[in-house]
Amino acid sequence: MEAQTDFDVGIIGGGPAGAALGAYLGKAGVSCVVLERELFPRPHVGESLVPSSTRIFAELDFLKVMEAEKFPHKFGGVWTAPGSSKVYSHDWKGFEANAYADLRFSERDQPGVGQAYTYHVDRAKFDVLLLQHANKLGAEVYEGVDVRGIERSDDRVDLVYAMGRRTCRTSVKMVVDASGRRTLVGNQLKWKVRDTVFDQYALHTWFENFDRSVAAETSAKLDYIYIHFLPISNSWIWQIPITETITSVGVVTQKKNFAKTKESREQFFWDCISSRPELFEALKRSAQLRPLTDEGDYSYSMTKIIDDRVVLIGDAARFVDPIFSTGVSIALTGARLSSWDIVKAVESGSYSVDAFREYESTMRRGTTNWYEFIRCYYRLNVLFTAFVRDPRTRLDVLKLVQGDVYDELDPPVLQKMRSIVSEVERNPNHIWHKQLGDLTSDALRATF
């Protein structure tokens, strides 16, 4: 006899992964609860989306909410390097690289995506809107509930949390960990593996009235996301529009460069910005709206992301360096993919690990591709700009940047990138050899 439970599915965390899954399951008529430890709204990093997110918004009838909120439209991305275009000037095998590269999403059609743009978002607003939307579609949502752990048996999972001095339990047929970088279940079950290669840290804040034209070639590109390379190895600046007048700016660097004290971090942030004088002067003319915030220990993986009655999604399953705005996209896609397996499991009453294999294989394929893309990018930045500028590879790179990374493992464009990186590494006389980053091909092996 099947155990009596409070819900079919319990979701730990109400961020984009948990909220989107709650929306998918609620829409499908599945009994589910979302338990979020914080009280929304709250500020959060990860403010720029990729176009594949739009596919999820359309399926969940959430696009009208995004448009009503008037989040800035993101039509593309720009990558810049210090100095003039002569920084990477060369002529090799038909590839032309430059210190400047840009991509427009409209250059490639995406199945299920009916618009030429995605969005930049104030995560405090976006997250609460998506969580409210999940509730409207049928998910029960409770905020301020701090799940401390899970207890599994053969026929149920208990979510354990405190209410005052009292320990409480909510019983479900299966649990989904969407707790973000807290990785509650992964930590409890000792599945978490720290990525010792991408040990990136970020320092970030918001500015009012920053002049975005200092980096934009045309007015049409004012609301693109900008990634500004820094002279410090494997370090970069993000520039993300939040509103017409507010811009998010962050410095991402390796742990070894990360300053120890609050005062030295402030100085480090401005030292990095000053290496790009045009940005420095424009930011100094604007008003800083928030204290500097830091985020650390970015990258990790899990030895398992599914088990009997357990599924991990979003940052709770995997976090990769955010240089291509992958965080929210992976969270939303994980919710979408896992919902298919979860609905089938609820319908069949079978919650064994095998019920979630399709989600696992597709998710691992996509995040492995992300990892490979990012590791080639960090090893040889010039290669990325070369591939963007070359018509033979431009659309293949754009497909990755759009977030369509799940349909095949190790696509040809990644194989080509890896081959060129290896060639440059082997040849100290290669024109690109001096442009190699600190991270070696052997060190950059995906753990996921």
Protein backbone atom coordinates (compact mmCIF):
# COMPACT_ATOMS: atom_id res chain seq x y z
CA MET A 1 0.00 0.00 0.00
CA GLU A 2 1.38 3.41 -0.99
CA ALA A 3 2.23 5.75 1.87
CA GLN A 4 0.01 8.77 2.52
CA THR A 5 1.87 11.99 1.71
CA ASP A 6 1.11 15.69 1.83
CA PHE A 7 2.16 16.30 -1.79
CA ASP A 8 3.41 14.36 -4.77
CA VAL A 9 6.48 16.59 -5.20
CA GLY A 10 8.35 18.78 -2.74
CA ILE A 11 10.59 21.50 -4.19
CA ILE A 12 13.30 23.01 -2.00
CA GLY A 13 13.92 26.60 -3.13
CA GLY A 14 11.82 29.20 -4.92
CA GLY A 15 14.42 30.75 -7.20
CA PRO A 16 14.13 30.45 -11.00
CA ALA A 17 14.67 26.66 -11.00
CA GLY A 18 12.18 25.89 -8.25
CA ALA A 19 9.62 28.44 -9.39
CA ALA A 20 9.73 27.29 -13.02
CA LEU A 21 9.39 23.65 -11.99
CA GLY A 22 6.49 24.55 -9.71
CA ALA A 23 4.86 26.31 -12.66
CA TYR A 24 5.35 23.34 -15.00
CA LEU A 25 4.03 20.85 -12.43
CA GLY A 26 1.15 23.09 -11.38
CA LYS A 27 0.15 23.52 -15.00
CA ALA A 28 0.24 19.73 -15.43
CA GLY A 29 -2.00 19.22 -12.41
CA VAL A 30 0.68 17.66 -10.22
CA SER A 31 0.34 18.23 -6.47
CA CYS A 32 3.50 20.11 -5.47
CA VAL A 33 4.83 22.47 -2.83
CA VAL A 34 7.66 24.99 -3.04
CA LEU A 35 9.46 25.75 0.24
CA GLU A 36 11.66 28.87 0.09
CA ARG A 37 13.73 29.87 3.10
CA GLU A 38 13.90 33.58 2.29
CA LEU A 39 11.16 36.20 2.08
CA PHE A 40 10.89 37.58 -1.45
CA PRO A 41 11.79 39.97 -2.94
CA ARG A 42 15.53 39.81 -2.28
CA PRO A 43 18.46 40.97 -4.43
CA HIS A 44 20.34 38.31 -6.36
CA VAL A 45 23.19 38.09 -8.84
CA GLY A 46 22.64 36.68 -12.35
CA GLU A 47 20.69 39.46 -14.04
CA SER A 48 21.15 38.77 -17.75
CA LEU A 49 19.28 35.98 -19.54
CA VAL A 50 19.90 34.05 -22.77
CA PRO A 51 17.31 33.51 -25.53
CA SER A 52 16.60 29.86 -24.71
CA SER A 53 14.91 31.17 -21.54
CA THR A 54 12.23 32.70 -23.77
CA ARG A 55 11.15 29.21 -24.82
CA ILE A 56 10.32 28.39 -21.18
CA PHE A 57 8.51 31.71 -20.66
CA ALA A 58 6.36 31.04 -23.72
CA GLU A 59 5.45 27.52 -22.56
CA LEU A 60 4.48 28.84 -19.13
CA ASP A 61 2.54 31.83 -20.52
CA PHE A 62 4.98 34.10 -18.66
CA LEU A 63 6.10 36.30 -21.56
CA LYS A 64 3.22 38.70 -20.99
CA VAL A 65 4.45 39.18 -17.41
CA MET A 66 7.99 39.92 -18.63
CA GLU A 67 6.69 42.48 -21.12
CA ALA A 68 4.35 44.11 -18.61
CA GLU A 69 7.25 44.58 -16.20
CA LYS A 70 9.21 46.34 -19.00
CA PHE A 71 12.48 44.55 -18.32
CA PRO A 72 15.17 45.82 -20.74
CA HIS A 73 15.26 43.89 -24.01
CA LYS A 74 18.59 42.17 -24.68
CA PHE A 75 19.25 41.85 -28.42
CA GLY A 76 22.83 40.61 -28.22
CA GLY A 77 26.22 40.67 -26.55
CA VAL A 78 29.54 42.46 -26.96
CA TRP A 79 33.03 41.38 -25.86
CA THR A 80 35.81 43.96 -25.65
CA ALA A 81 39.53 43.83 -24.81
CA PRO A 82 41.96 46.55 -23.70
CA GLY A 83 43.48 48.73 -26.39
CA SER A 84 42.75 48.94 -30.08
CA SER A 85 41.89 46.24 -32.57
CA LYS A 86 45.62 45.73 -33.14
CA VAL A 87 45.80 43.81 -29.86
CA TYR A 88 44.84 40.58 -31.62
CA SER A 89 45.66 41.54 -35.20
CA HIS A 90 46.89 38.68 -37.40
CA ASP A 91 46.15 36.64 -40.49
CA TRP A 92 46.05 32.89 -39.87
CA LYS A 93 44.12 30.22 -41.78
CA GLY A 94 41.38 32.63 -42.67
CA PHE A 95 40.49 33.47 -39.07
CA GLU A 96 40.50 37.17 -38.27
CA ALA A 97 40.47 38.07 -34.58
CA ASN A 98 39.85 41.43 -33.02
CA ALA A 99 39.71 43.00 -29.59
CA TYR A 100 36.01 43.59 -30.21
CA ALA A 101 33.32 41.04 -31.04
CA ASP A 102 29.55 41.17 -31.01
CA LEU A 103 26.61 38.87 -31.72
CA ARG A 104 22.95 39.63 -32.49
CA PHE A 105 20.48 36.96 -31.46
CA SER A 106 18.34 37.63 -34.54
CA GLU A 107 21.07 36.18 -36.79
CA ARG A 108 19.92 32.63 -35.99
CA ASP A 109 16.35 31.33 -35.66
CA GLN A 110 15.63 29.23 -32.57
CA PRO A 111 12.85 26.63 -32.41
CA GLY A 112 10.23 27.73 -29.90
CA VAL A 113 11.63 31.26 -29.64
CA GLY A 114 9.47 33.80 -31.46
CA GLN A 115 11.31 37.03 -30.70
CA ALA A 116 14.71 38.50 -31.49
CA TYR A 117 15.57 39.40 -27.91
CA THR A 118 15.69 38.10 -24.39
CA TYR A 119 15.85 40.18 -21.18
CA HIS A 120 18.00 41.76 -18.53
CA VAL A 121 16.24 41.57 -15.18
CA ASP A 122 16.24 42.95 -11.70
CA ARG A 123 16.38 39.55 -10.02
CA ALA A 124 14.50 40.79 -6.96
CA LYS A 125 11.51 41.56 -9.20
CA PHE A 126 11.95 38.69 -11.65
CA ASP A 127 12.23 35.96 -9.05
CA VAL A 128 9.15 37.02 -7.11
CA LEU A 129 7.11 37.36 -10.30
CA LEU A 130 8.04 33.84 -11.42
CA LEU A 131 7.32 32.40 -7.97
CA GLN A 132 3.92 34.12 -7.90
CA HIS A 133 3.25 32.75 -11.37
CA ALA A 134 3.97 29.21 -10.16
CA ASN A 135 1.44 29.73 -7.39
CA LYS A 136 -1.18 30.96 -9.88
CA LEU A 137 -0.63 27.82 -11.96
CA GLY A 138 -1.30 25.55 -9.01
CA ALA A 139 1.90 25.11 -6.97
CA GLU A 140 1.59 25.76 -3.25
CA VAL A 141 4.28 28.21 -2.19
CA TYR A 142 5.58 28.93 1.30
CA GLU A 143 8.30 31.48 2.02
CA GLY A 144 10.36 31.73 5.19
CA VAL A 145 10.56 27.94 5.50
CA ASP A 146 14.17 26.86 5.99
CA VAL A 147 14.44 23.20 5.04
CA ARG A 148 17.30 21.68 7.02
CA GLY A 149 17.46 18.29 5.33
CA ILE A 150 15.57 15.32 3.96
CA GLU A 151 14.77 11.88 5.36
CA ARG A 152 14.14 9.13 2.80
CA SER A 153 12.34 5.85 3.16
CA ASP A 154 11.21 3.28 0.62
CA ASP A 155 7.91 5.01 -0.11
CA ARG A 156 8.32 8.70 0.77
CA VAL A 157 10.63 11.61 1.50
CA ASP A 158 10.22 13.92 4.49
CA LEU A 159 11.32 17.54 4.22
CA VAL A 160 12.54 18.55 7.67
CA TYR A 161 12.37 22.17 8.83
CA ALA A 162 11.93 24.19 12.01
CA MET A 163 8.91 26.27 13.02
CA GLY A 164 10.07 28.16 16.06
CA ARG A 165 11.37 25.53 18.46
CA ARG A 166 9.38 22.77 16.83
CA THR A 167 10.80 20.41 14.18
CA CYS A 168 8.28 19.90 11.39
CA ARG A 169 8.02 17.54 8.45
CA THR A 170 6.24 17.68 5.13
CA SER A 171 5.97 14.31 3.42
CA VAL A 172 6.20 13.95 -0.36
CA LYS A 173 6.57 11.14 -2.85
CA MET A 174 9.73 12.72 -4.26
CA VAL A 175 11.90 15.78 -3.64
CA VAL A 176 13.54 18.22 -6.02
CA ASP A 177 16.47 20.23 -4.71
CA ALA A 178 16.39 23.70 -6.26
CA SER A 179 18.16 25.34 -3.32
CA GLY A 180 20.74 27.09 -5.50
CA ARG A 181 24.37 27.34 -4.46
CA ARG A 182 23.33 26.24 -0.99
CA THR A 183 23.12 22.73 -2.59
CA LEU A 184 21.23 21.35 0.40
CA VAL A 185 20.67 17.77 -0.75
CA GLY A 186 23.98 17.49 -2.58
CA ASN A 187 25.81 18.51 0.59
CA GLN A 188 23.73 16.25 2.82
CA LEU A 189 24.30 13.22 0.60
CA LYS A 190 27.96 14.16 -0.01
CA TRP A 191 27.61 14.36 -3.79
CA LYS A 192 29.23 17.79 -4.20
CA VAL A 193 32.59 18.10 -5.97
CA ARG A 194 34.36 21.43 -5.94
CA ASP A 195 35.79 22.64 -9.25
CA THR A 196 39.42 23.51 -8.48
CA VAL A 197 39.94 25.05 -11.93
CA PHE A 198 37.18 27.66 -12.08
CA ASP A 199 37.59 29.13 -8.60
CA GLN A 200 36.15 32.47 -9.68
CA TYR A 201 34.95 35.28 -7.41
CA ALA A 202 32.79 38.26 -8.27
CA LEU A 203 32.52 41.77 -6.85
CA HIS A 204 29.47 43.65 -8.06
CA THR A 205 27.13 46.59 -7.50
CA TRP A 206 24.67 48.91 -9.30
CA PHE A 207 25.31 52.38 -10.73
CA GLU A 208 22.85 55.14 -11.61
CA ASN A 209 23.31 57.15 -14.83
CA PHE A 210 26.34 55.24 -16.13
CA ASP A 211 27.00 56.37 -19.70
CA ARG A 212 26.69 53.12 -21.67
CA SER A 213 27.73 54.84 -24.88
CA VAL A 214 31.40 54.75 -23.84
CA ALA A 215 31.57 51.10 -24.93
CA ALA A 216 28.81 50.98 -27.55
CA GLU A 217 29.61 51.36 -31.23
CA THR A 218 26.03 52.40 -32.00
CA SER A 219 22.96 53.45 -30.05
CA ALA A 220 21.33 50.13 -31.02
CA LYS A 221 23.88 48.33 -28.83
CA LEU A 222 23.42 50.39 -25.66
CA ASP A 223 21.35 47.66 -24.00
CA TYR A 224 23.50 44.70 -25.05
CA ILE A 225 25.34 42.80 -22.35
CA TYR A 226 29.02 43.80 -22.35
CA ILE A 227 31.90 41.61 -21.26
CA HIS A 228 35.11 43.61 -20.89
CA PHE A 229 38.32 41.59 -20.69
CA LEU A 230 40.89 42.73 -18.13
CA PRO A 231 44.71 42.62 -18.36
CA ILE A 232 44.63 40.28 -15.34
CA SER A 233 44.48 36.66 -16.48
CA ASN A 234 41.01 35.06 -16.53
CA SER A 235 39.36 38.23 -15.24
CA TRP A 236 36.59 40.33 -16.75
CA ILE A 237 33.92 42.96 -16.12
CA TRP A 238 30.20 42.56 -16.77
CA GLN A 239 28.00 45.48 -17.75
CA ILE A 240 24.26 44.73 -17.62
CA PRO A 241 21.36 47.21 -18.03
CA ILE A 242 18.79 46.86 -15.23
CA THR A 243 16.58 49.83 -16.12
CA GLU A 244 16.96 52.79 -18.47
CA THR A 245 19.23 54.46 -15.91
CA ILE A 246 20.59 51.66 -13.68
CA THR A 247 23.48 49.41 -14.73
CA SER A 248 24.87 46.37 -12.94
CA VAL A 249 28.68 46.20 -13.00
CA GLY A 250 30.73 43.29 -11.69
CA VAL A 251 34.35 42.20 -11.68
CA VAL A 252 35.01 38.45 -11.94
CA THR A 253 38.48 37.15 -11.12
CA GLN A 254 40.30 34.09 -9.80
CA LYS A 255 40.45 33.37 -6.08
CA LYS A 256 44.17 34.07 -5.93
CA ASN A 257 43.44 37.68 -6.93
CA PHE A 258 40.56 38.10 -4.52
CA ALA A 259 41.24 40.65 -1.81
CA LYS A 260 40.87 39.58 1.83
CA THR A 261 39.26 42.57 3.56
CA LYS A 262 36.29 44.73 2.68
CA GLU A 263 38.51 47.78 2.20
CA SER A 264 41.00 45.97 -0.01
CA ARG A 265 38.18 44.44 -2.04
CA GLU A 266 36.83 47.91 -2.73
CA GLN A 267 40.28 48.98 -3.86
CA PHE A 268 40.70 45.85 -5.97
CA PHE A 269 37.35 46.47 -7.68
CA TRP A 270 38.33 50.01 -8.66
CA ASP A 271 41.86 48.96 -9.64
CA CYS A 272 40.35 46.46 -12.06
CA ILE A 273 37.94 49.04 -13.44
CA SER A 274 40.76 51.57 -13.87
CA SER A 275 42.56 49.17 -16.22
CA ARG A 276 39.78 50.11 -18.66
CA PRO A 277 40.03 53.94 -18.41
CA GLU A 278 36.91 54.71 -20.46
CA LEU A 279 34.78 52.60 -18.09
CA PHE A 280 36.49 53.98 -15.02
CA GLU A 281 35.82 57.61 -15.93
CA ALA A 282 32.19 56.91 -16.82
CA LEU A 283 31.56 55.01 -13.58
CA LYS A 284 33.16 57.74 -11.50
CA ARG A 285 30.70 60.20 -13.05
CA SER A 286 27.77 57.98 -12.04
CA ALA A 287 26.32 57.20 -8.61
CA GLN A 288 26.92 53.88 -6.86
CA LEU A 289 23.55 52.69 -5.53
CA ARG A 290 24.53 49.67 -3.44
CA PRO A 291 27.45 48.52 -1.31
CA LEU A 292 29.85 46.21 -3.11
CA THR A 293 28.75 42.55 -2.82
CA ASP A 294 30.98 39.52 -3.28
CA GLU A 295 30.17 36.02 -4.50
CA GLY A 296 32.68 33.21 -4.17
CA ASP A 297 33.45 29.56 -4.88
CA TYR A 298 31.49 29.74 -8.10
CA SER A 299 32.04 26.41 -9.77
CA TYR A 300 31.23 22.89 -8.62
CA SER A 301 29.50 19.75 -9.82
CA MET A 302 27.70 16.76 -8.33
CA THR A 303 28.65 13.10 -8.66
CA LYS A 304 24.90 12.41 -8.88
CA ILE A 305 21.96 14.63 -9.84
CA ILE A 306 19.26 11.95 -9.59
CA ASP A 307 18.51 9.09 -7.22
CA ASP A 308 15.47 7.21 -5.95
CA ARG A 309 12.86 9.91 -5.25
CA VAL A 310 15.47 12.69 -5.63
CA VAL A 311 16.24 15.13 -8.45
CA LEU A 312 18.66 18.10 -8.38
CA ILE A 313 18.13 21.07 -10.70
CA GLY A 314 19.65 24.50 -11.35
CA ASP A 315 22.57 25.65 -9.25
CA ALA A 316 21.82 22.84 -6.79
CA ALA A 317 22.98 20.41 -9.49
CA ARG A 318 25.84 22.30 -11.10
CA PHE A 319 27.34 25.76 -11.33
CA VAL A 320 29.72 26.85 -14.07
CA ASP A 321 31.47 30.19 -14.42
CA PRO A 322 28.78 32.72 -15.50
CA ILE A 323 30.57 34.46 -18.37
CA PHE A 324 27.88 33.52 -20.91
CA SER A 325 24.92 34.26 -18.57
CA THR A 326 24.30 30.55 -18.13
CA GLY A 327 22.94 30.47 -14.57
CA VAL A 328 19.25 31.28 -15.00
CA SER A 329 19.15 29.50 -18.36
CA ILE A 330 20.43 26.24 -16.87
CA ALA A 331 17.99 26.62 -13.98
CA LEU A 332 14.98 27.16 -16.25
CA THR A 333 16.01 24.42 -18.67
CA GLY A 334 16.58 22.00 -15.81
CA ALA A 335 13.06 22.73 -14.58
CA ARG A 336 11.64 22.14 -18.06
CA LEU A 337 13.52 18.89 -18.70
CA SER A 338 12.97 17.42 -15.24
CA SER A 339 9.24 18.25 -15.33
CA TRP A 340 8.74 15.79 -18.20
CA ASP A 341 10.23 12.89 -16.22
CA ILE A 342 8.54 13.95 -12.98
CA VAL A 343 5.06 14.10 -14.52
CA LYS A 344 5.58 10.58 -15.94
CA ALA A 345 6.80 9.36 -12.55
CA VAL A 346 3.73 10.75 -10.81
CA GLU A 347 1.42 9.19 -13.40
CA SER A 348 3.10 5.79 -13.14
CA GLY A 349 3.78 5.87 -9.41
CA SER A 350 7.40 4.84 -10.04
CA TYR A 351 10.00 7.12 -8.45
CA SER A 352 13.14 5.03 -8.84
CA VAL A 353 16.31 6.59 -10.18
CA ASP A 354 15.59 5.14 -13.63
CA ALA A 355 12.50 7.31 -13.92
CA PHE A 356 14.71 10.40 -14.27
CA ARG A 357 17.38 9.11 -16.68
CA GLU A 358 16.22 11.20 -19.63
CA TYR A 359 16.56 14.40 -17.61
CA GLU A 360 19.97 13.34 -16.33
CA SER A 361 21.44 12.49 -19.74
CA THR A 362 20.15 15.64 -21.44
CA MET A 363 21.22 17.92 -18.60
CA ARG A 364 24.69 16.42 -18.38
CA ARG A 365 25.12 16.76 -22.13
CA GLY A 366 24.22 20.44 -22.07
CA THR A 367 26.27 21.43 -19.05
CA THR A 368 29.27 19.49 -20.33
CA ASN A 369 29.06 21.52 -23.54
CA TRP A 370 28.85 24.74 -21.52
CA TYR A 371 31.91 23.72 -19.53
CA GLU A 372 33.90 22.87 -22.64
CA PHE A 373 32.92 26.14 -24.29
CA ILE A 374 33.94 28.17 -21.25
CA ARG A 375 37.23 26.36 -20.75
CA CYS A 376 38.26 27.02 -24.38
CA TYR A 377 37.18 30.63 -23.93
CA TYR A 378 39.35 31.16 -20.86
CA ARG A 379 42.32 29.33 -22.32
CA LEU A 380 42.37 31.42 -25.49
CA ASN A 381 40.09 34.47 -25.57
CA VAL A 382 41.27 35.43 -29.04
CA LEU A 383 39.89 32.16 -30.38
CA PHE A 384 36.37 33.15 -29.34
CA THR A 385 36.54 36.51 -31.09
CA ALA A 386 38.01 34.83 -34.17
CA PHE A 387 35.18 32.30 -34.33
CA VAL A 388 32.59 35.02 -33.83
CA ARG A 389 33.99 37.11 -36.66
CA ASP A 390 34.41 34.24 -39.12
CA PRO A 391 31.23 33.46 -41.14
CA ARG A 392 32.07 29.73 -41.15
CA THR A 393 31.72 29.43 -37.37
CA ARG A 394 29.72 32.51 -36.32
CA LEU A 395 26.28 30.87 -36.22
CA ASP A 396 27.64 27.77 -34.47
CA VAL A 397 29.02 29.98 -31.70
CA LEU A 398 25.79 31.97 -31.62
CA LYS A 399 23.83 28.76 -31.09
CA LEU A 400 25.85 28.12 -27.94
CA VAL A 401 25.49 31.70 -26.72
CA GLN A 402 21.72 31.48 -27.29
CA GLY A 403 21.64 28.55 -24.86
CA ASP A 404 20.93 25.75 -27.34
CA VAL A 405 23.53 23.32 -26.01
CA TYR A 406 21.50 20.22 -25.20
CA ASP A 407 20.83 18.48 -28.52
CA GLU A 408 24.29 16.95 -29.15
CA LEU A 409 27.39 16.24 -27.09
CA ASP A 410 30.59 17.97 -28.15
CA PRO A 411 29.32 19.71 -31.31
CA PRO A 412 31.80 20.24 -34.19
CA VAL A 413 32.46 23.89 -33.29
CA LEU A 414 33.72 22.84 -29.84
CA GLN A 415 35.87 20.13 -31.37
CA LYS A 416 37.40 22.73 -33.70
CA MET A 417 38.03 25.13 -30.82
CA ARG A 418 39.71 22.42 -28.75
CA SER A 419 41.87 21.35 -31.69
CA ILE A 420 43.12 24.89 -32.25
CA VAL A 421 43.80 25.42 -28.54
CA SER A 422 45.91 22.25 -28.49
CA GLU A 423 47.79 23.37 -31.61
CA VAL A 424 48.56 26.76 -30.11
CA GLU A 425 49.71 25.16 -26.85
CA ARG A 426 52.11 22.83 -28.67
CA ASN A 427 53.68 25.54 -30.81
CA PRO A 428 55.53 28.27 -28.86
CA ASN A 429 56.08 30.13 -32.14
CA HIS A 430 52.39 30.29 -32.94
CA ILE A 431 51.12 33.83 -33.36
CA TRP A 432 48.50 33.18 -30.66
CA HIS A 433 50.80 31.42 -28.17
CA LYS A 434 51.39 34.56 -26.12
CA GLN A 435 47.62 35.01 -25.81
CA LEU A 436 47.13 31.71 -23.94
CA GLY A 437 45.56 32.03 -20.50
CA ASP A 438 46.91 30.40 -17.36
CA LEU A 439 44.57 27.42 -17.50
CA THR A 440 45.90 24.43 -19.45
CA SER A 441 43.91 21.93 -21.49
CA ASP A 442 44.84 19.10 -19.14
CA ALA A 443 43.69 21.06 -16.08
CA LEU A 444 40.35 21.88 -17.66
CA ARG A 445 38.72 18.49 -17.68
CA ALA A 446 35.01 18.54 -16.85
CA THR A 447 34.11 16.78 -13.61
CA PHE A 448 30.40 16.70 -14.46
